[in-house]
Amino acid sequence: MELFALLIIFILGFIAAYIDSAYKMGYGLLTPILIILNFHPLTIVPILLLAQMFAGFSKTVYYYMYSGVEYAILKEEIKINSLFIIFGLISALVGIFVVVILPVYLWIIYIGISAIIGGIIILSNIKFYFKAKRLYFLSCISSFNQAVTAAGYGPIATYKQFLKKETYEKNEAITYFLEAMISGFAFLFYFVFFKEYFLSEIELILVLIISAIISTPLGALFKKYVRELTGIKIIGLISIILGIVLLTKIIIFDF
């Protein structure tokens, strides 16, 4: 891959990871962007999942450090969210098998529709009362979407804020830990079924992983200075635009 192209991807990955670290969503915008730039989803989605795994574990460490959460509390949250993890892993596995049987053009259409729906949900700022079953349902949906599109898991952190009617800052570390686990689990299955599509893209893999890890502490550190509601609405609007552009590209030009 040309150096200029790698530089552009590094910048895009850095910005997306910074936004994701600061707003708890936004890294998945890279999926429609890179597909619009003519990358194959079987190349992009697994690599983005791998990058999100590294970024997720990094964010777990940084938010754990910056928020001052004691290790005992973090350990307890992992135990509390064990069912959340199990439901998420099962849904991610289902998502991978859907990718295996789904034609590529339908997969891309799903990614475009998912971006539009996700953007609408973000802009609508939906709020509802906490129920455990509802939270597990959201876990299934977000994990399935994460496995299929390398996007969609971030907003679950925002919903947890609404569901529990509290800031949830003390549990941001565990949220990112869950995201890292789901992403890593999904990547392993892509590796089993489709490794020939992305293992040769070593430069791309390194660029996205490095950009994600570098920007993570900056997003965590400067999170308190961002205008969260405004930023989230911008992310939702960009997601809708990217989804429309992707659908237009695949249906009109590539279908």
Protein backbone atom coordinates (compact mmCIF):
# COMPACT_ATOMS: atom_id res chain seq x y z
CA MET A 1 0.00 0.00 0.00
CA GLU A 2 1.27 3.47 -0.86
CA LEU A 3 2.69 5.65 1.89
CA PHE A 4 0.21 8.48 1.22
CA ALA A 5 -2.75 6.10 1.51
CA LEU A 6 -1.39 4.71 4.79
CA LEU A 7 -0.95 8.25 6.12
CA ILE A 8 -4.57 9.12 5.29
CA ILE A 9 -5.79 5.93 6.97
CA PHE A 10 -3.61 6.65 10.01
CA ILE A 11 -5.15 10.12 10.34
CA LEU A 12 -8.68 8.74 9.93
CA GLY A 13 -7.98 5.99 12.46
CA PHE A 14 -6.48 8.45 14.93
CA ILE A 15 -9.45 10.83 14.71
CA ALA A 16 -12.00 8.00 14.94
CA ALA A 17 -10.28 6.42 17.95
CA TYR A 18 -9.97 9.79 19.70
CA ILE A 19 -13.68 10.48 19.16
CA ASP A 20 -14.57 6.98 20.36
CA SER A 21 -12.48 7.38 23.50
CA ALA A 22 -13.96 10.79 24.28
CA TYR A 23 -17.62 10.11 23.39
CA LYS A 24 -17.82 6.30 23.81
CA MET A 25 -18.81 5.96 20.15
CA GLY A 26 -17.55 6.87 16.70
CA TYR A 27 -14.83 4.38 15.77
CA GLY A 28 -17.30 2.38 13.70
CA LEU A 29 -17.57 5.33 11.29
CA LEU A 30 -14.38 3.97 9.73
CA THR A 31 -16.25 0.95 8.35
CA PRO A 32 -18.46 2.82 5.82
CA ILE A 33 -15.66 5.34 5.13
CA LEU A 34 -13.15 2.66 4.13
CA ILE A 35 -15.70 0.66 2.13
CA ILE A 36 -16.62 3.86 0.26
CA LEU A 37 -12.87 4.14 -0.46
CA ASN A 38 -13.12 0.71 -2.14
CA PHE A 39 -11.77 -1.53 0.60
CA HIS A 40 -13.40 -4.96 0.76
CA PRO A 41 -15.44 -5.52 3.96
CA LEU A 42 -13.68 -8.85 4.53
CA THR A 43 -10.46 -6.86 4.74
CA ILE A 44 -11.71 -3.91 6.74
CA VAL A 45 -14.13 -5.37 9.29
CA PRO A 46 -11.72 -7.95 10.84
CA ILE A 47 -8.86 -5.42 10.99
CA LEU A 48 -11.08 -2.80 12.62
CA LEU A 49 -12.23 -5.38 15.16
CA LEU A 50 -8.62 -6.21 15.96
CA ALA A 51 -7.79 -2.51 16.34
CA GLN A 52 -10.82 -2.04 18.61
CA MET A 53 -9.69 -4.94 20.75
CA PHE A 54 -6.33 -3.25 21.39
CA ALA A 55 -7.98 0.14 21.83
CA GLY A 56 -10.62 -1.30 24.16
CA PHE A 57 -8.08 -2.83 26.51
CA SER A 58 -6.04 0.39 26.38
CA LYS A 59 -9.13 2.45 27.25
CA THR A 60 -9.87 0.06 30.09
CA VAL A 61 -6.47 0.83 31.60
CA TYR A 62 -6.59 4.57 31.00
CA TYR A 63 -10.14 5.09 32.29
CA TYR A 64 -9.34 2.88 35.25
CA MET A 65 -6.37 5.16 36.00
CA TYR A 66 -8.07 8.51 35.34
CA SER A 67 -11.38 7.77 37.05
CA GLY A 68 -9.74 6.41 40.17
CA VAL A 69 -11.84 3.27 40.28
CA GLU A 70 -10.48 0.77 42.77
CA TYR A 71 -9.50 -2.65 41.46
CA ALA A 72 -12.02 -4.34 43.76
CA ILE A 73 -14.85 -2.32 42.19
CA LEU A 74 -13.63 -3.10 38.68
CA LYS A 75 -13.44 -6.81 39.52
CA GLU A 76 -16.96 -6.72 40.97
CA GLU A 77 -18.30 -5.03 37.83
CA ILE A 78 -16.80 -7.78 35.68
CA LYS A 79 -18.64 -10.37 37.78
CA ILE A 80 -21.91 -8.41 37.58
CA ASN A 81 -21.59 -8.12 33.79
CA SER A 82 -20.76 -11.81 33.24
CA LEU A 83 -24.18 -12.50 31.71
CA PHE A 84 -23.79 -9.37 29.60
CA ILE A 85 -20.53 -10.86 28.27
CA ILE A 86 -22.07 -14.28 27.60
CA PHE A 87 -25.03 -12.85 25.67
CA GLY A 88 -22.65 -10.63 23.72
CA LEU A 89 -20.31 -13.46 22.74
CA ILE A 90 -23.17 -15.66 21.54
CA SER A 91 -24.62 -12.82 19.46
CA ALA A 92 -21.20 -12.06 17.96
CA LEU A 93 -20.86 -15.70 16.94
CA VAL A 94 -24.28 -15.57 15.26
CA GLY A 95 -23.17 -12.44 13.43
CA ILE A 96 -20.08 -14.18 12.03
CA PHE A 97 -22.14 -17.07 10.68
CA VAL A 98 -24.50 -14.57 9.01
CA VAL A 99 -21.46 -13.03 7.29
CA VAL A 100 -20.37 -16.49 6.12
CA ILE A 101 -23.65 -17.13 4.28
CA LEU A 102 -24.52 -13.57 3.24
CA PRO A 103 -23.56 -12.27 -0.24
CA VAL A 104 -21.06 -9.41 -0.03
CA TYR A 105 -23.37 -6.81 -1.59
CA LEU A 106 -26.10 -7.61 0.96
CA TRP A 107 -23.51 -7.35 3.71
CA ILE A 108 -22.51 -3.88 2.51
CA ILE A 109 -26.17 -2.85 2.27
CA TYR A 110 -26.63 -4.01 5.87
CA ILE A 111 -23.63 -1.92 6.94
CA GLY A 112 -25.13 1.14 5.24
CA ILE A 113 -28.58 0.62 6.77
CA SER A 114 -27.01 -0.03 10.16
CA ALA A 115 -25.10 3.26 9.96
CA ILE A 116 -28.29 5.15 9.14
CA ILE A 117 -30.34 3.50 11.90
CA GLY A 118 -27.51 3.95 14.39
CA GLY A 119 -27.28 7.64 13.53
CA ILE A 120 -31.02 8.09 13.94
CA ILE A 121 -30.96 6.36 17.33
CA ILE A 122 -28.06 8.57 18.47
CA LEU A 123 -29.84 11.74 17.34
CA SER A 124 -33.13 10.68 18.94
CA ASN A 125 -31.45 10.47 22.37
CA ILE A 126 -33.79 7.67 23.45
CA LYS A 127 -34.22 7.23 27.19
CA PHE A 128 -35.95 4.45 29.10
CA TYR A 129 -35.96 2.91 32.53
CA PHE A 130 -33.56 0.22 33.61
CA LYS A 131 -34.54 -3.43 33.20
CA ALA A 132 -32.01 -6.26 33.19
CA LYS A 133 -33.72 -8.13 30.33
CA ARG A 134 -33.74 -4.95 28.23
CA LEU A 135 -30.05 -4.46 28.85
CA TYR A 136 -29.27 -8.04 27.76
CA PHE A 137 -31.33 -7.51 24.61
CA LEU A 138 -29.30 -4.39 23.82
CA SER A 139 -26.16 -6.44 24.43
CA CYS A 140 -27.26 -9.01 21.84
CA ILE A 141 -28.10 -6.38 19.23
CA SER A 142 -24.95 -4.33 19.75
CA SER A 143 -22.66 -7.40 19.80
CA PHE A 144 -24.23 -8.82 16.64
CA ASN A 145 -23.78 -5.47 14.93
CA GLN A 146 -20.22 -5.17 16.21
CA ALA A 147 -19.31 -8.54 14.70
CA VAL A 148 -20.97 -7.83 11.35
CA THR A 149 -20.02 -4.17 10.87
CA ALA A 150 -17.19 -3.47 13.39
CA ALA A 151 -19.50 -0.74 14.67
CA GLY A 152 -22.46 -0.21 16.96
CA TYR A 153 -21.14 -1.34 20.33
CA GLY A 154 -20.11 2.11 21.57
CA PRO A 155 -23.60 3.58 22.03
CA ILE A 156 -24.41 0.83 24.54
CA ALA A 157 -22.32 2.77 27.07
CA THR A 158 -24.53 5.80 26.53
CA TYR A 159 -27.64 3.70 27.00
CA LYS A 160 -26.25 2.37 30.26
CA GLN A 161 -26.12 5.95 31.48
CA PHE A 162 -29.80 6.37 30.64
CA LEU A 163 -30.77 2.96 31.97
CA LYS A 164 -29.22 3.41 35.39
CA LYS A 165 -29.94 7.15 35.51
CA GLU A 166 -26.39 7.93 36.70
CA THR A 167 -23.16 9.21 35.19
CA TYR A 168 -21.70 5.72 34.78
CA GLU A 169 -18.21 7.22 34.65
CA LYS A 170 -17.01 4.83 37.34
CA ASN A 171 -17.91 1.92 35.04
CA GLU A 172 -16.48 3.23 31.78
CA ALA A 173 -13.48 0.94 32.19
CA ILE A 174 -15.65 -2.20 32.32
CA THR A 175 -17.68 -0.99 29.32
CA TYR A 176 -14.53 -0.76 27.23
CA PHE A 177 -13.34 -4.10 28.58
CA LEU A 178 -16.56 -5.69 27.30
CA GLU A 179 -16.13 -4.03 23.90
CA ALA A 180 -12.56 -5.31 23.65
CA MET A 181 -13.67 -8.87 24.47
CA ILE A 182 -16.47 -8.86 21.88
CA SER A 183 -14.19 -7.40 19.20
CA GLY A 184 -11.41 -9.88 19.91
CA PHE A 185 -13.82 -12.82 19.93
CA ALA A 186 -15.32 -11.77 16.58
CA PHE A 187 -11.85 -11.26 15.08
CA LEU A 188 -10.88 -14.83 15.98
CA PHE A 189 -13.77 -16.19 13.95
CA TYR A 190 -12.94 -13.95 11.00
CA PHE A 191 -9.41 -15.32 11.27
CA VAL A 192 -10.72 -18.87 11.08
CA PHE A 193 -12.98 -18.28 8.06
CA PHE A 194 -11.44 -15.38 6.12
CA LYS A 195 -7.78 -14.88 7.14
CA GLU A 196 -6.63 -14.91 3.52
CA TYR A 197 -8.45 -11.61 2.94
CA PHE A 198 -6.60 -9.52 5.50
CA LEU A 199 -3.43 -11.25 6.75
CA SER A 200 -1.49 -9.85 3.79
CA GLU A 201 -2.45 -6.28 4.79
CA ILE A 202 0.21 -6.01 7.50
CA GLU A 203 0.79 -2.28 6.94
CA LEU A 204 -2.92 -1.54 7.22
CA ILE A 205 -3.23 -3.63 10.39
CA LEU A 206 -0.29 -1.89 12.05
CA VAL A 207 -1.44 1.59 11.04
CA LEU A 208 -4.94 1.11 12.48
CA ILE A 209 -3.73 -0.55 15.68
CA ILE A 210 -1.04 2.07 16.34
CA SER A 211 -3.36 5.01 15.58
CA ALA A 212 -6.00 3.58 17.92
CA ILE A 213 -3.59 2.97 20.80
CA ILE A 214 -1.90 6.37 20.48
CA SER A 215 -5.14 8.38 20.47
CA THR A 216 -6.82 6.44 23.29
CA PRO A 217 -5.11 8.18 26.23
CA LEU A 218 -5.71 11.58 24.62
CA GLY A 219 -9.45 10.93 24.36
CA ALA A 220 -9.59 9.71 27.95
CA LEU A 221 -7.48 12.60 29.23
CA PHE A 222 -9.34 15.40 27.46
CA LYS A 223 -12.82 13.90 27.76
CA LYS A 224 -13.84 16.43 30.40
CA TYR A 225 -13.18 19.31 27.99
CA VAL A 226 -15.46 18.12 25.17
CA ARG A 227 -19.06 19.19 24.65
CA GLU A 228 -20.53 15.72 24.85
CA LEU A 229 -24.09 16.30 23.65
CA THR A 230 -22.99 18.38 20.64
CA GLY A 231 -20.32 15.85 19.71
CA ILE A 232 -22.73 12.91 19.95
CA LYS A 233 -25.22 14.64 17.66
CA ILE A 234 -22.47 15.33 15.11
CA ILE A 235 -21.45 11.66 15.24
CA GLY A 236 -25.08 10.64 14.63
CA LEU A 237 -25.41 13.01 11.67
CA ILE A 238 -22.13 11.83 10.10
CA SER A 239 -23.23 8.21 10.55
CA ILE A 240 -26.47 8.87 8.64
CA ILE A 241 -24.63 10.66 5.82
CA LEU A 242 -22.05 7.89 5.49
CA GLY A 243 -24.80 5.25 5.44
CA ILE A 244 -26.64 7.08 2.64
CA VAL A 245 -23.43 7.52 0.61
CA LEU A 246 -22.54 3.84 1.04
CA LEU A 247 -26.01 2.66 -0.01
CA THR A 248 -25.91 4.99 -3.01
CA LYS A 249 -22.52 3.64 -4.01
CA ILE A 250 -23.43 -0.04 -3.77
CA ILE A 251 -26.95 0.20 -5.22
CA ILE A 252 -26.37 2.69 -8.05
CA PHE A 253 -22.74 2.09 -9.01
CA ASP A 254 -21.73 -1.39 -7.80
CA PHE A 255 -24.94 -3.39 -7.51
